[in-house]
Amino acid sequence: MLKKMSLILTIMMIIVFSMAGCSNTYESQENEKFQEYYNSRVQYIGDNSKVSELLNVIGVDDLGEYTIVLRTDKEPYGLTINYSKFKNIGDEAKFKNMDRIDYAYFALALIENLNEIDVNYNGYNYHLSTEQANEQVKGDIKNYGSSKEKLRELNDILNPSD
């Protein structure tokens, strides 16, 4: 009886420690992700190579193949992402019905002088301005690019856990 009880307690301890380890691993990966976002900040929308690097870091290429157009000649400074092909079947239908694209918020937060972003695919357009983003986050979107902690906070606002 004592051996059974000992075995049960040992198994329970292993389960508890493995769950805690998974949680810590997830937390660590999230911290690394937001640190990488923060490290990829861009001061000027006109810096094509840095903008491209940032877009890949925040996951723009996860959806598919794209090109970008930078609008830098006069304010409002803008960024247009034109998708030519999506990676997965069904992504076009999802794109048509999106009411929010998270990486657009991160781009506005992390590119200092970016004022608006457009995402296009096959005649469909998603547009987000700084003012619209400010309304969604109930504050200044630009403040969320000031630290990895603020970026995590932005993520939590966009994706609240219920």
Protein backbone atom coordinates (compact mmCIF):
# COMPACT_ATOMS: atom_id res chain seq x y z
CA MET A 1 0.00 0.00 0.00
CA LEU A 2 2.83 2.37 0.91
CA LYS A 3 4.59 1.59 -2.39
CA LYS A 4 1.42 2.37 -4.36
CA MET A 5 0.96 5.65 -2.52
CA SER A 6 4.61 6.55 -3.11
CA LEU A 7 4.28 5.70 -6.81
CA ILE A 8 1.13 7.80 -7.15
CA LEU A 9 2.78 10.78 -5.43
CA THR A 10 5.85 10.45 -7.65
CA ILE A 11 3.71 10.41 -10.79
CA MET A 12 1.73 13.43 -9.59
CA MET A 13 4.98 15.33 -8.88
CA ILE A 14 6.29 14.52 -12.36
CA ILE A 15 3.07 15.78 -13.93
CA VAL A 16 3.13 19.01 -11.89
CA PHE A 17 6.79 19.71 -12.69
CA SER A 18 6.34 18.96 -16.38
CA MET A 19 3.34 21.30 -16.56
CA ALA A 20 5.33 24.03 -14.82
CA GLY A 21 8.20 23.45 -17.23
CA CYS A 22 5.89 23.83 -20.24
CA SER A 23 4.48 27.03 -18.82
CA ASN A 24 7.96 28.43 -18.23
CA THR A 25 9.03 27.42 -21.75
CA TYR A 26 5.99 29.15 -23.26
CA GLU A 27 6.64 32.25 -21.15
CA SER A 28 10.27 32.27 -22.23
CA GLN A 29 9.32 31.95 -25.91
CA GLU A 30 6.83 34.81 -25.57
CA ASN A 31 9.49 37.01 -23.91
CA GLU A 32 11.94 36.22 -26.71
CA LYS A 33 9.31 36.99 -29.35
CA PHE A 34 8.49 40.42 -27.91
CA GLN A 35 12.18 41.18 -27.35
CA GLU A 36 12.80 40.38 -31.03
CA TYR A 37 9.90 42.67 -32.00
CA TYR A 38 11.38 45.45 -29.86
CA ASN A 39 14.89 44.93 -31.24
CA SER A 40 13.51 45.27 -34.80
CA ARG A 41 12.01 48.76 -34.27
CA VAL A 42 12.36 51.18 -37.17
CA GLN A 43 12.73 54.93 -36.84
CA TYR A 44 11.83 55.92 -40.41
CA ILE A 45 9.38 54.26 -42.82
CA GLY A 46 11.82 55.12 -45.63
CA ASP A 47 14.36 52.54 -44.41
CA ASN A 48 13.25 49.77 -46.78
CA SER A 49 15.57 47.02 -45.53
CA LYS A 50 14.74 47.59 -41.85
CA VAL A 51 11.01 47.78 -42.59
CA SER A 52 11.22 44.48 -44.51
CA GLU A 53 13.14 42.86 -41.65
CA LEU A 54 10.56 44.07 -39.10
CA LEU A 55 7.65 42.80 -41.21
CA ASN A 56 9.18 39.33 -41.33
CA VAL A 57 9.84 39.37 -37.57
CA ILE A 58 6.22 40.26 -36.78
CA GLY A 59 4.92 37.54 -39.09
CA VAL A 60 3.71 39.26 -42.25
CA ASP A 61 5.21 36.42 -44.31
CA ASP A 62 3.23 33.82 -42.33
CA LEU A 63 0.22 34.52 -44.56
CA GLY A 64 2.02 34.27 -47.89
CA GLU A 65 4.10 35.99 -50.55
CA TYR A 66 4.02 39.78 -50.56
CA THR A 67 5.64 42.97 -51.73
CA ILE A 68 5.66 46.34 -50.00
CA VAL A 69 5.23 49.94 -51.09
CA LEU A 70 6.47 52.72 -48.82
CA ARG A 71 4.74 56.10 -49.00
CA THR A 72 7.42 58.51 -47.81
CA ASP A 73 7.00 61.62 -49.98
CA LYS A 74 4.57 63.43 -47.65
CA GLU A 75 2.53 62.84 -44.53
CA PRO A 76 0.66 60.76 -43.69
CA TYR A 77 3.51 58.28 -44.17
CA GLY A 78 2.24 54.89 -45.17
CA LEU A 79 3.01 51.29 -45.82
CA THR A 80 1.17 49.04 -48.24
CA ILE A 81 1.53 45.28 -48.12
CA ASN A 82 0.39 43.58 -51.32
CA TYR A 83 -0.07 39.82 -51.08
CA SER A 84 0.29 37.94 -54.35
CA LYS A 85 -0.31 34.46 -53.01
CA PHE A 86 -1.49 32.98 -49.71
CA LYS A 87 0.17 29.90 -48.23
CA ASN A 88 -2.97 28.03 -47.20
CA ILE A 89 -6.23 27.20 -48.88
CA GLY A 90 -8.98 29.13 -47.13
CA ASP A 91 -6.80 32.10 -46.19
CA GLU A 92 -8.47 34.24 -48.87
CA ALA A 93 -11.87 33.70 -47.27
CA LYS A 94 -10.40 34.51 -43.84
CA PHE A 95 -8.75 37.65 -45.23
CA LYS A 96 -12.04 38.88 -46.72
CA ASN A 97 -13.71 38.59 -43.30
CA MET A 98 -10.93 39.97 -41.08
CA ASP A 99 -11.93 42.86 -38.90
CA ARG A 100 -8.40 43.20 -37.53
CA ILE A 101 -4.86 42.26 -38.58
CA ASP A 102 -2.66 42.18 -35.48
CA TYR A 103 0.64 42.73 -37.26
CA ALA A 104 -0.71 46.04 -38.62
CA TYR A 105 -0.99 47.27 -35.02
CA PHE A 106 2.53 46.07 -34.25
CA ALA A 107 3.87 47.81 -37.38
CA LEU A 108 2.25 51.09 -36.32
CA ALA A 109 3.71 50.71 -32.83
CA LEU A 110 7.20 49.77 -34.01
CA ILE A 111 7.76 52.09 -36.99
CA GLU A 112 8.14 55.49 -35.40
CA ASN A 113 6.85 57.71 -38.20
CA LEU A 114 4.35 55.30 -39.79
CA ASN A 115 0.85 56.81 -39.89
CA GLU A 116 -1.18 54.25 -41.80
CA ILE A 117 -0.97 50.76 -43.21
CA ASP A 118 -2.86 49.02 -46.01
CA VAL A 119 -2.93 45.28 -46.60
CA ASN A 120 -4.21 44.14 -50.01
CA TYR A 121 -5.02 40.86 -51.66
CA ASN A 122 -6.95 40.21 -54.87
CA GLY A 123 -9.03 43.39 -54.74
CA TYR A 124 -9.62 43.31 -50.96
CA ASN A 125 -8.16 45.97 -48.71
CA TYR A 126 -7.59 46.25 -44.97
CA HIS A 127 -6.72 49.80 -43.84
CA LEU A 128 -5.55 50.91 -40.40
CA SER A 129 -4.57 54.45 -39.42
CA THR A 130 -2.86 55.58 -36.23
CA GLU A 131 -6.14 57.16 -35.12
CA GLN A 132 -8.09 53.93 -35.64
CA ALA A 133 -5.44 51.94 -33.77
CA ASN A 134 -5.52 54.48 -30.92
CA GLU A 135 -9.28 53.96 -30.61
CA GLN A 136 -8.89 50.17 -30.53
CA VAL A 137 -6.20 50.20 -27.83
CA LYS A 138 -7.74 53.15 -25.96
CA GLY A 139 -4.45 55.04 -25.94
CA ASP A 140 -1.51 55.99 -28.13
CA ILE A 141 -0.43 53.04 -30.32
CA LYS A 142 3.07 54.53 -30.54
CA ASN A 143 3.57 54.06 -26.77
CA TYR A 144 3.34 50.29 -27.22
CA GLY A 145 6.60 50.25 -29.16
CA SER A 146 8.58 51.58 -26.19
CA SER A 147 9.44 48.21 -24.57
CA LYS A 148 8.93 44.47 -24.86
CA GLU A 149 6.57 44.69 -21.87
CA LYS A 150 4.40 47.28 -23.67
CA LEU A 151 4.39 45.06 -26.78
CA ARG A 152 3.17 42.15 -24.66
CA GLU A 153 0.50 44.48 -23.26
CA LEU A 154 -0.56 45.37 -26.82
CA ASN A 155 -0.79 41.68 -27.64
CA ASP A 156 -2.96 41.12 -24.56
CA ILE A 157 -5.27 43.98 -25.59
CA LEU A 158 -5.63 42.55 -29.09
CA ASN A 159 -5.99 38.96 -27.85
CA PRO A 160 -7.62 39.01 -24.43
CA SER A 161 -7.77 35.67 -22.66
CA ASP A 162 -11.26 35.00 -21.42
